[in-house]
């Protein structure tokens, strides 16, 4: 399953942490990445995290 969540700190603007877990060709796999804003996950992953 995947998730996208906003992370806000006092010193930095909001960032998005996106992640997916699942299987690929029968093997467990995990992927995660931090994006600077809400547009970057769409540009980098297409429909994968679109709600």
PDB file of N, CA and C in Angstrom:
ATOM      1  N   UNK A   1       0.837  -1.173   0.000  1.00  0.00           N
ATOM      2  CA  UNK A   1       0.000   0.000   0.000  1.00  0.00           C
ATOM      3  C   UNK A   1       0.878   1.230   0.000  1.00  0.00           C
ATOM      4  N   UNK A   2       0.310   2.340  -0.384  1.00  0.00           N
ATOM      5  CA  UNK A   2       1.092   3.556  -0.455  1.00  0.00           C
ATOM      6  C   UNK A   2       0.467   4.677   0.331  1.00  0.00           C
ATOM      7  N   UNK A   3       1.279   5.668   0.598  1.00  0.00           N
ATOM      8  CA  UNK A   3       0.792   6.822   1.337  1.00  0.00           C
ATOM      9  C   UNK A   3       1.592   8.042   0.959  1.00  0.00           C
ATOM     10  N   UNK A   4       0.941   9.179   1.038  1.00  0.00           N
ATOM     11  CA  UNK A   4       1.600  10.465   0.861  1.00  0.00           C
ATOM     12  C   UNK A   4       1.185  11.307   2.046  1.00  0.00           C
ATOM     13  N   UNK A   5       2.140  11.926   2.721  1.00  0.00           N
ATOM     14  CA  UNK A   5       1.776  12.784   3.836  1.00  0.00           C
ATOM     15  C   UNK A   5       2.653  14.019   3.843  1.00  0.00           C
ATOM     16  N   UNK A   6       2.072  15.119   4.286  1.00  0.00           N
ATOM     17  CA  UNK A   6       2.798  16.391   4.364  1.00  0.00           C
ATOM     18  C   UNK A   6       3.565  16.450   5.679  1.00  0.00           C
ATOM     19  N   UNK A   7       4.775  16.954   5.618  1.00  0.00           N
ATOM     20  CA  UNK A   7       5.601  17.135   6.803  1.00  0.00           C
ATOM     21  C   UNK A   7       5.966  18.615   6.874  1.00  0.00           C
ATOM     22  N   UNK A   8       5.613  19.272   7.957  1.00  0.00           N
ATOM     23  CA  UNK A   8       5.914  20.695   8.097  1.00  0.00           C
ATOM     24  C   UNK A   8       6.771  20.891   9.346  1.00  0.00           C
ATOM     25  N   UNK A   9       7.833  21.647   9.199  1.00  0.00           N
ATOM     26  CA  UNK A   9       8.680  21.970  10.333  1.00  0.00           C
ATOM     27  C   UNK A   9       8.774  23.485  10.448  1.00  0.00           C
ATOM     28  N   UNK A  10       9.261  23.968  11.570  1.00  0.00           N
ATOM     29  CA  UNK A  10       9.351  25.410  11.787  1.00  0.00           C
ATOM     30  C   UNK A  10      10.347  26.074  10.838  1.00  0.00           C
ATOM     31  N   UNK A  11      11.351  25.365  10.422  1.00  0.00           N
ATOM     32  CA  UNK A  11      12.405  25.945   9.593  1.00  0.00           C
ATOM     33  C   UNK A  11      12.257  25.682   8.102  1.00  0.00           C
ATOM     34  N   UNK A  12      11.467  24.709   7.737  1.00  0.00           N
ATOM     35  CA  UNK A  12      11.386  24.329   6.323  1.00  0.00           C
ATOM     36  C   UNK A  12       9.932  24.348   5.857  1.00  0.00           C
ATOM     37  N   UNK A  13       9.702  24.633   4.588  1.00  0.00           N
ATOM     38  CA  UNK A  13       8.337  24.553   4.056  1.00  0.00           C
ATOM     39  C   UNK A  13       7.853  23.108   4.032  1.00  0.00           C
ATOM     40  N   UNK A  14       6.570  22.936   3.791  1.00  0.00           N
ATOM     41  CA  UNK A  14       5.977  21.596   3.779  1.00  0.00           C
ATOM     42  C   UNK A  14       6.658  20.721   2.737  1.00  0.00           C
ATOM     43  N   UNK A  15       6.946  19.490   3.107  1.00  0.00           N
ATOM     44  CA  UNK A  15       7.493  18.492   2.190  1.00  0.00           C
ATOM     45  C   UNK A  15       6.517  17.333   2.158  1.00  0.00           C
ATOM     46  N   UNK A  16       6.588  16.531   1.134  1.00  0.00           N
ATOM     47  CA  UNK A  16       5.741  15.353   1.032  1.00  0.00           C
ATOM     48  C   UNK A  16       6.599  14.108   1.073  1.00  0.00           C
ATOM     49  N   UNK A  17       6.232  13.171   1.928  1.00  0.00           N
ATOM     50  CA  UNK A  17       6.901  11.886   2.002  1.00  0.00           C
ATOM     51  C   UNK A  17       5.962  10.867   1.362  1.00  0.00           C
ATOM     52  N   UNK A  18       6.418  10.247   0.291  1.00  0.00           N
ATOM     53  CA  UNK A  18       5.605   9.266  -0.433  1.00  0.00           C
ATOM     54  C   UNK A  18       6.267   7.907  -0.320  1.00  0.00           C
ATOM     55  N   UNK A  19       5.447   6.877  -0.214  1.00  0.00           N
ATOM     56  CA  UNK A  19       6.000   5.534  -0.114  1.00  0.00           C
ATOM     57  C   UNK A  19       5.033   4.484  -0.615  1.00  0.00           C
ATOM     58  N   UNK A  20       5.581   3.380  -1.059  1.00  0.00           N
ATOM     59  CA  UNK A  20       4.794   2.242  -1.533  1.00  0.00           C
ATOM     60  C   UNK A  20       5.462   0.965  -1.059  1.00  0.00           C
ATOM     61  N   UNK A  21       4.634   0.001  -0.676  1.00  0.00           N
ATOM     62  CA  UNK A  21       5.134  -1.338  -0.394  1.00  0.00           C
ATOM     63  C   UNK A  21       4.270  -2.318  -1.173  1.00  0.00           C
ATOM     64  N   UNK A  22       4.821  -3.421  -1.542  1.00  0.00           N
ATOM     65  CA  UNK A  22       4.076  -4.415  -2.296  1.00  0.00           C
ATOM     66  C   UNK A  22       4.998  -5.513  -2.782  1.00  0.00           C
ATOM     67  N   UNK A  23       4.599  -6.139  -3.881  1.00  0.00           N
ATOM     68  CA  UNK A  23       5.430  -7.185  -4.460  1.00  0.00           C
ATOM     69  C   UNK A  23       5.697  -6.868  -5.935  1.00  0.00           C
ATOM     70  N   UNK A  24       6.854  -7.266  -6.390  1.00  0.00           N
ATOM     71  CA  UNK A  24       7.257  -7.120  -7.784  1.00  0.00           C
ATOM     72  C   UNK A  24       7.808  -8.467  -8.214  1.00  0.00           C
ATOM     73  N   UNK A  25       7.114  -9.091  -9.171  1.00  0.00           N
ATOM     74  CA  UNK A  25       7.506 -10.417  -9.647  1.00  0.00           C
ATOM     75  C   UNK A  25       7.654 -11.419  -8.507  1.00  0.00           C
ATOM     76  N   UNK A  26       6.691 -11.341  -7.565  1.00  0.00           N
ATOM     77  CA  UNK A  26       6.662 -12.291  -6.459  1.00  0.00           C
ATOM     78  C   UNK A  26       7.586 -11.985  -5.301  1.00  0.00           C
ATOM     79  N   UNK A  27       8.320 -10.868  -5.352  1.00  0.00           N
ATOM     80  CA  UNK A  27       9.248 -10.529  -4.280  1.00  0.00           C
ATOM     81  C   UNK A  27       8.783  -9.259  -3.576  1.00  0.00           C
ATOM     82  N   UNK A  28       8.868  -9.216  -2.243  1.00  0.00           N
ATOM     83  CA  UNK A  28       8.474  -8.001  -1.521  1.00  0.00           C
ATOM     84  C   UNK A  28       9.381  -6.831  -1.887  1.00  0.00           C
ATOM     85  N   UNK A  29       8.787  -5.643  -1.986  1.00  0.00           N
ATOM     86  CA  UNK A  29       9.567  -4.453  -2.311  1.00  0.00           C
ATOM     87  C   UNK A  29       9.007  -3.243  -1.578  1.00  0.00           C
ATOM     88  N   UNK A  30       9.861  -2.275  -1.301  1.00  0.00           N
ATOM     89  CA  UNK A  30       9.478  -1.029  -0.637  1.00  0.00           C
ATOM     90  C   UNK A  30      10.180   0.126  -1.347  1.00  0.00           C
ATOM     91  N   UNK A  31       9.451   1.242  -1.494  1.00  0.00           N
ATOM     92  CA  UNK A  31      10.007   2.440  -2.120  1.00  0.00           C
ATOM     93  C   UNK A  31       9.514   3.637  -1.348  1.00  0.00           C
ATOM     94  N   UNK A  32      10.382   4.629  -1.104  1.00  0.00           N
ATOM     95  CA  UNK A  32       9.962   5.876  -0.475  1.00  0.00           C
ATOM     96  C   UNK A  32      10.849   7.010  -0.959  1.00  0.00           C
ATOM     97  N   UNK A  33      10.262   8.198  -0.968  1.00  0.00           N
ATOM     98  CA  UNK A  33      10.999   9.382  -1.406  1.00  0.00           C
ATOM     99  C   UNK A  33      10.337  10.614  -0.816  1.00  0.00           C
ATOM    100  N   UNK A  34      11.136  11.641  -0.501  1.00  0.00           N
ATOM    101  CA  UNK A  34      10.624  12.911  -0.019  1.00  0.00           C
ATOM    102  C   UNK A  34      10.621  13.909  -1.169  1.00  0.00           C
ATOM    103  N   UNK A  35       9.489  14.567  -1.360  1.00  0.00           N
ATOM    104  CA  UNK A  35       9.337  15.561  -2.415  1.00  0.00           C
ATOM    105  C   UNK A  35       9.212  16.949  -1.806  1.00  0.00           C
ATOM    106  N   UNK A  36       9.666  17.966  -2.524  1.00  0.00           N
ATOM    107  CA  UNK A  36       9.659  19.339  -2.016  1.00  0.00           C
ATOM    108  C   UNK A  36       8.263  19.955  -2.012  1.00  0.00           C
ATOM    109  N   UNK A  37       7.382  19.514  -2.896  1.00  0.00           N
ATOM    110  CA  UNK A  37       6.040  20.084  -2.944  1.00  0.00           C
ATOM    111  C   UNK A  37       5.067  19.077  -3.549  1.00  0.00           C
ATOM    112  N   UNK A  38       3.780  19.464  -3.608  1.00  0.00           N
ATOM    113  CA  UNK A  38       2.742  18.559  -4.069  1.00  0.00           C
ATOM    114  C   UNK A  38       2.760  18.255  -5.549  1.00  0.00           C
ATOM    115  N   UNK A  39       3.450  19.036  -6.344  1.00  0.00           N
ATOM    116  CA  UNK A  39       3.507  18.801  -7.786  1.00  0.00           C
ATOM    117  C   UNK A  39       4.537  17.734  -8.161  1.00  0.00           C
ATOM    118  N   UNK A  40       5.594  17.628  -7.396  1.00  0.00           N
ATOM    119  CA  UNK A  40       6.674  16.706  -7.738  1.00  0.00           C
ATOM    120  C   UNK A  40       6.268  15.232  -7.782  1.00  0.00           C
ATOM    121  N   UNK A  41       5.437  14.725  -6.842  1.00  0.00           N
ATOM    122  CA  UNK A  41       5.060  13.307  -6.949  1.00  0.00           C
ATOM    123  C   UNK A  41       4.295  13.005  -8.241  1.00  0.00           C
ATOM    124  N   UNK A  42       3.412  13.916  -8.657  1.00  0.00           N
ATOM    125  CA  UNK A  42       2.684  13.708  -9.912  1.00  0.00           C
ATOM    126  C   UNK A  42       3.639  13.663 -11.101  1.00  0.00           C
ATOM    127  N   UNK A  43       4.595  14.582 -11.123  1.00  0.00           N
ATOM    128  CA  UNK A  43       5.542  14.631 -12.242  1.00  0.00           C
ATOM    129  C   UNK A  43       6.450  13.413 -12.248  1.00  0.00           C
ATOM    130  N   UNK A  44       6.842  12.925 -11.078  1.00  0.00           N
ATOM    131  CA  UNK A  44       7.793  11.820 -11.007  1.00  0.00           C
ATOM    132  C   UNK A  44       7.140  10.441 -11.123  1.00  0.00           C
ATOM    133  N   UNK A  45       5.885  10.309 -10.649  1.00  0.00           N
ATOM    134  CA  UNK A  45       5.288   8.983 -10.580  1.00  0.00           C
ATOM    135  C   UNK A  45       3.969   8.844 -11.335  1.00  0.00           C
ATOM    136  N   UNK A  46       3.480   9.927 -11.923  1.00  0.00           N
ATOM    137  CA  UNK A  46       2.212   9.853 -12.654  1.00  0.00           C
ATOM    138  C   UNK A  46       1.051   9.548 -11.724  1.00  0.00           C
ATOM    139  N   UNK A  47       0.237   8.564 -12.071  1.00  0.00           N
ATOM    140  CA  UNK A  47      -0.971   8.239 -11.320  1.00  0.00           C
ATOM    141  C   UNK A  47      -0.719   7.439 -10.043  1.00  0.00           C
ATOM    142  N   UNK A  48       0.494   7.057  -9.764  1.00  0.00           N
ATOM    143  CA  UNK A  48       0.783   6.173  -8.649  1.00  0.00           C
ATOM    144  C   UNK A  48       0.255   6.700  -7.314  1.00  0.00           C
ATOM    145  N   UNK A  49       0.399   8.003  -7.040  1.00  0.00           N
ATOM    146  CA  UNK A  49      -0.029   8.579  -5.773  1.00  0.00           C
ATOM    147  C   UNK A  49      -1.204   9.532  -5.923  1.00  0.00           C
ATOM    148  N   UNK A  50      -1.744   9.675  -7.095  1.00  0.00           N
ATOM    149  CA  UNK A  50      -2.863  10.586  -7.317  1.00  0.00           C
ATOM    150  C   UNK A  50      -4.093  10.068  -6.586  1.00  0.00           C
ATOM    151  N   UNK A  51      -4.781  10.953  -5.876  1.00  0.00           N
ATOM    152  CA  UNK A  51      -5.970  10.557  -5.110  1.00  0.00           C
ATOM    153  C   UNK A  51      -7.217  10.983  -5.850  1.00  0.00           C
TER     154      UNK A  51
END
